[in-house]
Amino acid sequence: MRQSVPKFRPLYEKRNALIASTPELQGDFWRRVFANAPAEVDEYILPSDAAILGQSLKNLTVERFEVDDQGNGEPRSLRFTFEFETGDENPYFEDAKLVKDFYWRREVTRTAKGKRRTWEGLVSEPVRIHWKKDMDPTKGLLDAACDLAEAEKKQGTGADRKKLPEYERLVKKVEELEAEKANAEDKDDDDEEGDDEDPLAGRSPAGVSFFAWFGYRGRDVSAEKSKEAEKEEEERWAKIAKGEEVDLDEDDDDDEDDEEEDDLEEAEIFPDGEGLANALAEELWPNALRYYGEFFSPPSTCSSAKPDH
């Protein structure tokens, strides 16, 4: 992947230039792409989200921003830049641009029994959206996530986030969301009438608006901690190459009760954030021309679609 990132950058830049120079595509291309998005993305877009994207989205850019032009750097880190209409053209929020960065991190921990565990994944910081009055589809969840992150920064490194009132408020909101989602699922299970309208239609598996994704954080793994884990992993593989014995990573299913819980899990407003980020970057973004074209094409029972590149 390291070599392919610089290779495809000119293609995406040419696509962006084509969209920007074609009046028929300006302000229309990405709206139609999202309207015909793949299932991995579409399932997270509620009808209210579709209305916002359909009316206000102007452009989307996805960058593997930690990779330089020579292919050096971490290709799994992602930057999403959403551009929107402003003023009266966007009745939902004030922001002209929303930028969300995802950093690939690694963490090595030990359980209470001394067993080694390795975690890898994407972490991010919440991005605040300045909603206009009564237009927040996240029902205050995104603001609460941003409030907690800002309060933590004021407290400084090493502070106990659980003692912050912002943490308590956010966890309470998340619990209310989970209860609401569970009640809705129970209601669907009990509904045996089979209404004409699909009872699951328009419901996100995350249980919340697509725009809550901007509040995703993931694990609490800093860049420094990740570098330490990378160094430990390199030293471990060096020992393996020499035939020396090393501690084996514990299976995920082993000693689940022995694992120390990341307290950010309790305050996570979009648990599927990493999965949606990867779906946007690896499916929607590279194949946008196909999804745009399929918007105008009749549905087919066969699919021989290939990536744009």
Protein backbone atom coordinates (compact mmCIF):
# COMPACT_ATOMS: atom_id res chain seq x y z
CA MET A 1 0.00 0.00 0.00
CA ARG A 2 2.90 2.38 0.72
CA GLN A 3 3.80 2.59 -2.97
CA SER A 4 0.21 2.80 -4.20
CA VAL A 5 -0.68 5.91 -2.19
CA PRO A 6 1.55 8.34 -4.16
CA LYS A 7 0.71 6.48 -7.38
CA PHE A 8 -3.03 7.16 -7.14
CA ARG A 9 -2.86 10.71 -5.81
CA PRO A 10 -2.62 12.27 -9.32
CA LEU A 11 -5.71 10.29 -10.40
CA TYR A 12 -7.80 11.63 -7.53
CA GLU A 13 -6.46 15.13 -8.12
CA LYS A 14 -7.50 14.87 -11.80
CA ARG A 15 -10.94 13.67 -10.72
CA ASN A 16 -11.31 16.62 -8.35
CA ALA A 17 -10.23 19.02 -11.09
CA LEU A 18 -12.77 17.50 -13.48
CA ILE A 19 -15.56 17.92 -10.94
CA ALA A 20 -14.51 21.50 -10.16
CA SER A 21 -14.35 22.48 -13.85
CA THR A 22 -17.67 20.91 -14.86
CA PRO A 23 -20.71 23.03 -13.93
CA GLU A 24 -23.02 20.02 -14.09
CA LEU A 25 -20.91 18.24 -11.44
CA GLN A 26 -20.19 21.09 -9.05
CA GLY A 27 -22.22 20.68 -5.89
CA ASP A 28 -23.91 17.63 -7.38
CA PHE A 29 -21.30 14.88 -7.72
CA TRP A 30 -20.78 13.92 -4.08
CA ARG A 31 -24.43 14.34 -3.21
CA ARG A 32 -25.32 11.71 -5.81
CA VAL A 33 -22.41 9.49 -4.73
CA PHE A 34 -23.72 9.45 -1.16
CA ALA A 35 -27.27 8.91 -2.42
CA ASN A 36 -25.99 5.73 -4.11
CA ALA A 37 -23.40 4.82 -1.49
CA PRO A 38 -22.40 1.17 -0.88
CA ALA A 39 -24.16 -0.70 1.91
CA GLU A 40 -21.14 -0.36 4.22
CA VAL A 41 -21.71 3.41 4.21
CA ASP A 42 -25.39 3.73 3.40
CA GLU A 43 -26.53 1.74 6.45
CA TYR A 44 -25.19 4.51 8.70
CA ILE A 45 -27.02 7.32 6.89
CA LEU A 46 -30.44 8.05 8.39
CA PRO A 47 -33.10 9.82 6.31
CA SER A 48 -32.37 13.01 8.25
CA ASP A 49 -28.66 12.63 7.42
CA ALA A 50 -29.46 12.06 3.74
CA ALA A 51 -31.42 15.32 3.72
CA ILE A 52 -28.43 17.23 5.11
CA LEU A 53 -25.93 15.65 2.72
CA GLY A 54 -28.28 15.97 -0.25
CA GLN A 55 -28.85 19.67 0.28
CA SER A 56 -25.54 20.92 1.65
CA LEU A 57 -22.56 18.69 0.74
CA LYS A 58 -20.25 20.22 -1.87
CA ASN A 59 -17.12 18.10 -1.82
CA LEU A 60 -15.27 15.29 -0.07
CA THR A 61 -11.54 14.61 -0.02
CA VAL A 62 -9.85 11.58 1.56
CA GLU A 63 -6.11 11.69 2.18
CA ARG A 64 -3.60 9.24 3.61
CA PHE A 65 -1.92 12.29 5.03
CA GLU A 66 0.95 10.62 6.90
CA VAL A 67 2.41 9.24 3.64
CA ASP A 68 4.78 11.51 1.71
CA ASP A 69 5.31 11.61 -2.06
CA GLN A 70 8.04 8.98 -1.77
CA GLY A 71 5.66 6.53 -0.09
CA ASN A 72 7.16 6.87 3.38
CA GLY A 73 4.82 7.05 6.38
CA GLU A 74 1.76 5.33 7.79
CA PRO A 75 -0.76 4.59 5.00
CA ARG A 76 -3.55 3.57 7.36
CA SER A 77 -3.96 7.05 8.86
CA LEU A 78 -6.79 8.96 7.16
CA ARG A 79 -7.97 12.55 6.77
CA PHE A 80 -11.54 13.32 5.68
CA THR A 81 -12.36 16.84 4.48
CA PHE A 82 -16.05 17.56 3.95
CA GLU A 83 -17.00 20.87 2.31
CA PHE A 84 -20.51 22.27 2.66
CA GLU A 85 -22.70 25.10 1.48
CA THR A 86 -22.91 28.07 3.80
CA GLY A 87 -25.47 30.68 4.79
CA ASP A 88 -29.04 30.10 3.70
CA GLU A 89 -27.87 27.27 1.41
CA ASN A 90 -27.12 25.24 4.54
CA PRO A 91 -29.97 25.50 7.04
CA TYR A 92 -28.38 22.87 9.30
CA PHE A 93 -25.02 24.20 10.53
CA GLU A 94 -22.57 27.08 10.14
CA ASP A 95 -19.39 25.21 9.18
CA ALA A 96 -18.12 25.45 5.60
CA LYS A 97 -15.59 22.66 6.18
CA LEU A 98 -15.30 19.71 8.55
CA VAL A 99 -11.94 17.94 8.79
CA LYS A 100 -11.58 14.71 10.75
CA ASP A 101 -8.24 12.95 11.16
CA PHE A 102 -7.81 9.29 12.04
CA TYR A 103 -4.40 8.12 13.29
CA TRP A 104 -3.27 4.52 13.14
CA ARG A 105 -2.03 3.51 16.58
CA ARG A 106 -0.65 0.42 18.29
CA GLU A 107 -0.78 -0.48 21.98
CA VAL A 108 0.85 -3.31 23.94
CA THR A 109 -0.61 -4.04 27.37
CA ARG A 110 -0.37 -6.68 30.06
CA THR A 111 -3.32 -8.24 31.82
CA ALA A 112 -3.47 -8.62 35.60
CA LYS A 113 -2.13 -12.14 35.06
CA GLY A 114 0.82 -10.81 33.08
CA LYS A 115 -0.37 -11.93 29.67
CA ARG A 116 0.56 -9.82 26.66
CA ARG A 117 -2.06 -8.15 24.49
CA THR A 118 -1.57 -6.12 21.31
CA TRP A 119 -4.14 -3.71 19.91
CA GLU A 120 -4.01 -1.88 16.59
CA GLY A 121 -6.55 0.55 15.18
CA LEU A 122 -7.64 4.08 14.38
CA VAL A 123 -8.00 6.82 16.97
CA SER A 124 -9.35 10.32 16.45
CA GLU A 125 -10.40 13.56 18.14
CA PRO A 126 -14.01 14.77 18.18
CA VAL A 127 -14.87 17.47 15.65
CA ARG A 128 -17.50 19.98 16.74
CA ILE A 129 -20.27 20.97 14.36
CA HIS A 130 -21.90 24.34 14.97
CA TRP A 131 -25.53 23.41 14.51
CA LYS A 132 -28.21 25.96 13.87
CA LYS A 133 -31.10 26.10 16.31
CA ASP A 134 -32.95 22.77 16.68
CA MET A 135 -31.04 21.18 13.79
CA ASP A 136 -28.69 18.79 15.62
CA PRO A 137 -29.52 15.19 14.54
CA THR A 138 -27.13 13.81 17.20
CA LYS A 139 -29.37 15.22 19.95
CA GLY A 140 -26.46 16.81 21.77
CA LEU A 141 -24.21 13.73 21.72
CA LEU A 142 -21.58 15.29 19.47
CA ASP A 143 -21.42 18.46 21.56
CA ALA A 144 -21.06 16.38 24.72
CA ALA A 145 -18.18 14.37 23.20
CA CYS A 146 -16.43 17.59 22.18
CA ASP A 147 -17.01 19.12 25.61
CA LEU A 148 -15.32 16.14 27.27
CA ALA A 149 -12.31 16.24 24.93
CA GLU A 150 -11.85 19.96 25.56
CA ALA A 151 -12.17 19.51 29.32
CA GLU A 152 -9.50 16.78 29.24
CA LYS A 153 -7.09 19.07 27.41
CA LYS A 154 -7.58 21.75 30.06
CA GLN A 155 -6.86 19.19 32.80
CA GLY A 156 -3.63 18.10 31.14
CA THR A 157 -1.95 14.74 30.64
CA GLY A 158 -2.52 12.14 33.33
CA ALA A 159 -5.75 13.63 34.68
CA ASP A 160 -8.58 11.25 35.54
CA ARG A 161 -11.30 11.92 32.96
CA LYS A 162 -13.82 9.98 35.04
CA LYS A 163 -13.80 12.77 37.62
CA LEU A 164 -14.88 15.38 35.08
CA PRO A 165 -18.57 16.39 35.03
CA GLU A 166 -18.36 16.32 31.23
CA TYR A 167 -17.51 12.62 31.41
CA GLU A 168 -20.50 11.85 33.61
CA ARG A 169 -22.85 13.79 31.33
CA LEU A 170 -21.57 12.07 28.19
CA VAL A 171 -21.72 8.57 29.68
CA LYS A 172 -25.30 9.23 30.77
CA LYS A 173 -26.22 10.33 27.24
CA VAL A 174 -24.59 7.23 25.76
CA GLU A 175 -26.48 4.99 28.19
CA GLU A 176 -29.75 6.68 27.23
CA LEU A 177 -28.93 6.15 23.55
CA GLU A 178 -28.17 2.45 24.08
CA ALA A 179 -31.41 1.99 26.02
CA GLU A 180 -33.37 3.75 23.29
CA LYS A 181 -31.73 1.56 20.63
CA ALA A 182 -32.46 -1.63 22.60
CA ASN A 183 -36.10 -0.65 23.08
CA ALA A 184 -36.47 0.06 19.36
CA GLU A 185 -34.97 -3.33 18.47
CA ASP A 186 -37.29 -5.08 20.92
CA LYS A 187 -40.24 -3.29 19.38
CA ASP A 188 -39.21 -4.45 15.92
CA ASP A 189 -38.88 -8.04 17.17
CA ASP A 190 -42.37 -7.89 18.67
CA ASP A 191 -43.91 -6.40 15.55
CA GLU A 192 -45.42 -9.38 13.71
CA GLU A 193 -47.95 -7.43 11.68
CA GLY A 194 -45.51 -6.89 8.82
CA ASP A 195 -46.29 -3.31 7.91
CA ASP A 196 -45.71 -2.27 4.33
CA GLU A 197 -42.83 -0.13 5.54
CA ASP A 198 -39.74 -1.99 6.69
CA PRO A 199 -39.50 -1.42 10.47
CA LEU A 200 -35.71 -1.42 10.25
CA ALA A 201 -35.56 1.06 7.38
CA GLY A 202 -33.71 4.25 8.18
CA ARG A 203 -32.04 2.88 11.31
CA SER A 204 -28.28 3.03 11.73
CA PRO A 205 -26.50 0.03 13.32
CA ALA A 206 -24.64 2.62 15.39
CA GLY A 207 -28.01 3.76 16.74
CA VAL A 208 -27.31 7.40 16.01
CA SER A 209 -26.92 9.95 13.21
CA PHE A 210 -24.08 9.70 10.68
CA PHE A 211 -22.88 13.06 12.00
CA ALA A 212 -22.14 11.52 15.40
CA TRP A 213 -19.24 9.83 13.55
CA PHE A 214 -17.41 13.15 13.84
CA GLY A 215 -17.30 12.48 17.58
CA TYR A 216 -15.59 9.08 17.30
CA ARG A 217 -12.46 8.72 19.45
CA GLY A 218 -11.48 5.07 19.64
CA ARG A 219 -8.86 3.94 22.15
CA ASP A 220 -6.90 6.35 24.32
CA VAL A 221 -3.53 5.69 22.67
CA SER A 222 -1.19 8.64 22.20
CA ALA A 223 1.46 8.94 19.49
CA GLU A 224 4.16 8.45 22.14
CA LYS A 225 2.55 5.31 23.50
CA SER A 226 2.16 3.96 19.97
CA LYS A 227 5.84 4.57 19.21
CA GLU A 228 6.80 2.68 22.34
CA ALA A 229 4.62 -0.24 21.23
CA GLU A 230 6.20 -0.15 17.74
CA LYS A 231 9.67 -0.27 19.29
CA GLU A 232 8.70 -3.15 21.57
CA GLU A 233 7.25 -5.03 18.62
CA GLU A 234 10.42 -4.54 16.55
CA GLU A 235 12.57 -5.80 19.42
CA ARG A 236 10.27 -8.77 19.88
CA TRP A 237 10.55 -9.77 16.21
CA ALA A 238 14.32 -9.37 16.37
CA LYS A 239 14.39 -11.90 19.19
CA ILE A 240 12.14 -14.25 17.23
CA ALA A 241 14.52 -13.99 14.26
CA LYS A 242 17.37 -15.04 16.56
CA GLY A 243 15.40 -18.00 17.82
CA GLU A 244 14.88 -16.56 21.28
CA GLU A 245 11.71 -17.23 23.26
CA VAL A 246 9.18 -14.41 23.57
CA ASP A 247 5.79 -13.99 25.20
CA LEU A 248 2.95 -14.97 22.90
CA ASP A 249 0.01 -12.62 22.41
CA GLU A 250 -3.08 -13.76 24.25
CA ASP A 251 -6.09 -14.81 22.20
CA ASP A 252 -8.94 -12.31 22.23
CA ASP A 253 -11.28 -14.88 23.76
CA ASP A 254 -8.97 -15.73 26.65
CA ASP A 255 -9.44 -14.22 30.09
CA GLU A 256 -11.92 -11.58 28.96
CA ASP A 257 -12.62 -10.66 32.58
CA ASP A 258 -8.91 -10.04 33.10
CA GLU A 259 -8.77 -7.22 30.56
CA GLU A 260 -8.63 -3.65 31.79
CA GLU A 261 -11.41 -1.66 30.12
CA ASP A 262 -10.58 1.55 28.30
CA ASP A 263 -12.85 4.12 29.96
CA LEU A 264 -13.34 5.83 26.60
CA GLU A 265 -15.49 2.86 25.60
CA GLU A 266 -18.17 4.04 28.01
CA ALA A 267 -18.07 7.49 26.41
CA GLU A 268 -17.91 6.40 22.75
CA ILE A 269 -20.81 7.89 20.79
CA PHE A 270 -20.11 6.07 17.51
CA PRO A 271 -18.68 2.59 18.23
CA ASP A 272 -18.46 1.73 14.52
CA GLY A 273 -16.35 4.80 13.74
CA GLU A 274 -13.28 2.94 12.50
CA GLY A 275 -15.31 0.65 10.27
CA LEU A 276 -17.16 3.55 8.68
CA ALA A 277 -13.90 5.47 8.16
CA ASN A 278 -12.39 2.50 6.33
CA ALA A 279 -15.54 2.02 4.23
CA LEU A 280 -15.46 5.68 3.19
CA ALA A 281 -11.75 5.55 2.37
CA GLU A 282 -11.50 2.13 0.75
CA GLU A 283 -14.87 1.79 -0.97
CA LEU A 284 -16.72 5.07 -1.46
CA TRP A 285 -13.73 7.33 -2.20
CA PRO A 286 -11.85 5.23 -4.81
CA ASN A 287 -15.06 4.11 -6.53
CA ALA A 288 -16.94 7.43 -6.47
CA LEU A 289 -17.23 7.68 -10.26
CA ARG A 290 -18.91 4.29 -10.37
CA TYR A 291 -21.42 5.20 -7.67
CA TYR A 292 -22.14 8.48 -9.39
CA GLY A 293 -22.77 6.70 -12.69
CA GLU A 294 -24.91 4.01 -11.09
CA PHE A 295 -27.19 6.74 -9.74
CA PHE A 296 -28.43 7.20 -13.31
CA SER A 297 -28.40 3.52 -14.25
CA PRO A 298 -31.26 1.05 -13.77
CA PRO A 299 -30.62 -1.59 -11.06
CA SER A 300 -29.08 -4.83 -12.25
CA THR A 301 -29.13 -8.32 -10.81
CA CYS A 302 -25.54 -8.82 -11.91
CA SER A 303 -22.58 -6.74 -10.89
CA SER A 304 -19.24 -6.63 -12.65
CA ALA A 305 -18.23 -3.30 -11.18
CA LYS A 306 -14.59 -2.59 -10.69
CA PRO A 307 -12.79 0.16 -8.75
CA ASP A 308 -12.31 3.46 -10.58
CA HIS A 309 -8.59 2.90 -10.64
